[in-house]
C-alpha cells in the first residue's frame, strides 16, 4: 500500500500513514518505524487483525522536501530485522551500504 498522506491547512505538517503489510511482517511480534524527522527514534506500529502493522506520524513540511525512514521488525525472541517500505516515494543509499526509504513531504 503506498504511503497515505494528509496535508493539513492549519499547520505546516503532513500526516503520513506508515503500513507494513502482513506478507512483509512475516513472523514479527512487533514493529517500529524509525524516521529522520523523529530523530531516528523507534515509533511503535499497531498490529492489525490481518497480521500487518500501521501507525500515523505528523511530519513537518517546512524543514525539508523529504525524510528518510526504515522499519524495524522484532520477532518473539527480540531479534531485530530492518526493512524498507515496499512502496516508498523513493530510496536513498546510506554510508552503511544499505538504502533507506524516502517519504516526500511536499504537496504535488
C-alpha atoms as a PDB file:
ATOM      1  CA  UNK A   1       0.000   0.000   0.000  1.00  0.00           C
ATOM      2  CA  UNK A   2       1.510   3.371  -0.945  1.00  0.00           C
ATOM      3  CA  UNK A   3       2.204   5.863   1.818  1.00  0.00           C
ATOM      4  CA  UNK A   4      -1.021   7.700   2.618  1.00  0.00           C
ATOM      5  CA  UNK A   5      -0.617  11.442   3.232  1.00  0.00           C
ATOM      6  CA  UNK A   6      -2.956  14.096   4.578  1.00  0.00           C
ATOM      7  CA  UNK A   7      -1.644  17.660   4.302  1.00  0.00           C
ATOM      8  CA  UNK A   8      -3.014  19.960   6.995  1.00  0.00           C
ATOM      9  CA  UNK A   9      -4.015  23.503   6.093  1.00  0.00           C
ATOM     10  CA  UNK A  10      -3.855  24.776   9.679  1.00  0.00           C
ATOM     11  CA  UNK A  11      -0.232  23.766  10.362  1.00  0.00           C
ATOM     12  CA  UNK A  12       2.895  23.027   8.297  1.00  0.00           C
ATOM     13  CA  UNK A  13       2.646  19.256   8.754  1.00  0.00           C
ATOM     14  CA  UNK A  14       1.559  16.208   6.828  1.00  0.00           C
ATOM     15  CA  UNK A  15       0.034  13.145   8.487  1.00  0.00           C
ATOM     16  CA  UNK A  16       1.709  10.101   6.964  1.00  0.00           C
ATOM     17  CA  UNK A  17       0.308   6.596   7.392  1.00  0.00           C
ATOM     18  CA  UNK A  18       3.110   4.038   7.594  1.00  0.00           C
ATOM     19  CA  UNK A  19       1.876   0.495   6.995  1.00  0.00           C
ATOM     20  CA  UNK A  20       3.618  -2.858   6.813  1.00  0.00           C
ATOM     21  CA  UNK A  21       1.503  -5.482   5.010  1.00  0.00           C
ATOM     22  CA  UNK A  22       1.118  -8.919   6.621  1.00  0.00           C
ATOM     23  CA  UNK A  23       3.246 -10.557   3.922  1.00  0.00           C
ATOM     24  CA  UNK A  24       6.150  -8.219   4.785  1.00  0.00           C
ATOM     25  CA  UNK A  25       5.622  -8.503   8.551  1.00  0.00           C
ATOM     26  CA  UNK A  26       6.168 -12.281   8.421  1.00  0.00           C
ATOM     27  CA  UNK A  27       6.641 -13.593  11.977  1.00  0.00           C
ATOM     28  CA  UNK A  28       7.162 -10.187  13.582  1.00  0.00           C
ATOM     29  CA  UNK A  29       5.694  -9.799  17.045  1.00  0.00           C
ATOM     30  CA  UNK A  30       6.155  -6.022  16.998  1.00  0.00           C
ATOM     31  CA  UNK A  31       7.226  -3.328  14.560  1.00  0.00           C
ATOM     32  CA  UNK A  32       8.577   0.204  14.652  1.00  0.00           C
ATOM     33  CA  UNK A  33       9.245   2.987  12.183  1.00  0.00           C
ATOM     34  CA  UNK A  34      12.456   4.983  12.560  1.00  0.00           C
ATOM     35  CA  UNK A  35      12.288   8.330  10.788  1.00  0.00           C
ATOM     36  CA  UNK A  36      14.802  11.089  10.247  1.00  0.00           C
ATOM     37  CA  UNK A  37      12.121  13.660  11.193  1.00  0.00           C
ATOM     38  CA  UNK A  38      11.684  11.970  14.592  1.00  0.00           C
ATOM     39  CA  UNK A  39      15.423  11.847  15.357  1.00  0.00           C
ATOM     40  CA  UNK A  40      15.579   8.153  14.326  1.00  0.00           C
ATOM     41  CA  UNK A  41      13.669   7.170  17.493  1.00  0.00           C
ATOM     42  CA  UNK A  42      11.606   3.971  17.355  1.00  0.00           C
ATOM     43  CA  UNK A  43       7.915   4.816  16.956  1.00  0.00           C
ATOM     44  CA  UNK A  44       5.682   1.756  17.551  1.00  0.00           C
ATOM     45  CA  UNK A  45       3.257   0.497  14.927  1.00  0.00           C
ATOM     46  CA  UNK A  46      -0.051  -1.068  15.970  1.00  0.00           C
ATOM     47  CA  UNK A  47      -0.680  -4.678  14.970  1.00  0.00           C
ATOM     48  CA  UNK A  48      -3.646  -5.107  12.635  1.00  0.00           C
ATOM     49  CA  UNK A  49      -6.057  -8.064  12.640  1.00  0.00           C
ATOM     50  CA  UNK A  50      -4.687  -9.154   9.253  1.00  0.00           C
ATOM     51  CA  UNK A  51      -1.148  -9.519  10.697  1.00  0.00           C
ATOM     52  CA  UNK A  52       0.236  -6.245   9.374  1.00  0.00           C
ATOM     53  CA  UNK A  53       1.223  -3.122  11.298  1.00  0.00           C
ATOM     54  CA  UNK A  54       0.233   0.541  10.992  1.00  0.00           C
ATOM     55  CA  UNK A  55       0.783   3.996  12.525  1.00  0.00           C
ATOM     56  CA  UNK A  56       0.343   7.663  11.638  1.00  0.00           C
ATOM     57  CA  UNK A  57       3.080  10.257  12.200  1.00  0.00           C
ATOM     58  CA  UNK A  58       2.990  14.010  11.702  1.00  0.00           C
ATOM     59  CA  UNK A  59       5.995  15.181   9.681  1.00  0.00           C
ATOM     60  CA  UNK A  60       6.946  18.842   9.200  1.00  0.00           C
ATOM     61  CA  UNK A  61       6.586  20.293   5.710  1.00  0.00           C
ATOM     62  CA  UNK A  62       8.585  23.462   6.368  1.00  0.00           C
ATOM     63  CA  UNK A  63      12.022  21.934   7.065  1.00  0.00           C
ATOM     64  CA  UNK A  64      12.959  19.866   4.016  1.00  0.00           C
ATOM     65  CA  UNK A  65      11.382  18.212   0.964  1.00  0.00           C
ATOM     66  CA  UNK A  66      11.631  14.612   2.179  1.00  0.00           C
ATOM     67  CA  UNK A  67      12.684  12.412   5.067  1.00  0.00           C
ATOM     68  CA  UNK A  68      14.386   9.030   5.251  1.00  0.00           C
ATOM     69  CA  UNK A  69      12.896   6.158   7.250  1.00  0.00           C
ATOM     70  CA  UNK A  70      13.144   2.405   7.877  1.00  0.00           C
ATOM     71  CA  UNK A  71      11.074  -0.237   9.596  1.00  0.00           C
ATOM     72  CA  UNK A  72      12.354  -2.371  12.478  1.00  0.00           C
ATOM     73  CA  UNK A  73      10.639  -5.747  12.895  1.00  0.00           C
ATOM     74  CA  UNK A  74      11.097  -7.780  16.091  1.00  0.00           C
ATOM     75  CA  UNK A  75      10.381 -11.478  16.422  1.00  0.00           C
ATOM     76  CA  UNK A  76       9.330 -13.268  19.636  1.00  0.00           C
ATOM     77  CA  UNK A  77      12.994 -13.728  20.647  1.00  0.00           C
ATOM     78  CA  UNK A  78      13.653  -9.993  20.290  1.00  0.00           C
ATOM     79  CA  UNK A  79      15.762 -10.301  17.143  1.00  0.00           C
ATOM     80  CA  UNK A  80      15.654  -7.149  15.009  1.00  0.00           C
ATOM     81  CA  UNK A  81      15.325  -7.057  11.239  1.00  0.00           C
ATOM     82  CA  UNK A  82      15.382  -3.761   9.354  1.00  0.00           C
ATOM     83  CA  UNK A  83      13.399  -3.369   6.151  1.00  0.00           C
ATOM     84  CA  UNK A  84      12.310  -0.685   3.717  1.00  0.00           C
ATOM     85  CA  UNK A  85       8.781   0.224   2.698  1.00  0.00           C
ATOM     86  CA  UNK A  86       7.975  -1.712  -0.459  1.00  0.00           C
ATOM     87  CA  UNK A  87       6.143   1.291  -1.936  1.00  0.00           C
ATOM     88  CA  UNK A  88       8.089   4.265  -0.562  1.00  0.00           C
ATOM     89  CA  UNK A  89       8.317   7.506  -2.531  1.00  0.00           C
ATOM     90  CA  UNK A  90      11.968   6.677  -3.156  1.00  0.00           C
ATOM     91  CA  UNK A  91      15.127   5.098  -1.750  1.00  0.00           C
ATOM     92  CA  UNK A  92      18.437   6.674  -0.750  1.00  0.00           C
ATOM     93  CA  UNK A  93      21.781   4.890  -0.250  1.00  0.00           C
ATOM     94  CA  UNK A  94      23.480   5.235   3.142  1.00  0.00           C
ATOM     95  CA  UNK A  95      27.164   5.085   4.140  1.00  0.00           C
ATOM     96  CA  UNK A  96      26.402   1.693   5.737  1.00  0.00           C
ATOM     97  CA  UNK A  97      25.838   0.059   2.344  1.00  0.00           C
ATOM     98  CA  UNK A  98      22.044  -0.183   2.645  1.00  0.00           C
ATOM     99  CA  UNK A  99      19.219   2.005   1.407  1.00  0.00           C
ATOM    100  CA  UNK A 100      16.676   3.937   3.445  1.00  0.00           C
ATOM    101  CA  UNK A 101      13.118   4.521   2.305  1.00  0.00           C
ATOM    102  CA  UNK A 102      12.189   8.125   1.485  1.00  0.00           C
ATOM    103  CA  UNK A 103       8.873   9.895   2.085  1.00  0.00           C
ATOM    104  CA  UNK A 104       8.211  13.189   0.292  1.00  0.00           C
ATOM    105  CA  UNK A 105       6.505  15.853   2.403  1.00  0.00           C
ATOM    106  CA  UNK A 106       5.847  18.356  -0.377  1.00  0.00           C
ATOM    107  CA  UNK A 107       2.379  18.601  -1.847  1.00  0.00           C
ATOM    108  CA  UNK A 108       2.453  17.690  -5.529  1.00  0.00           C
END
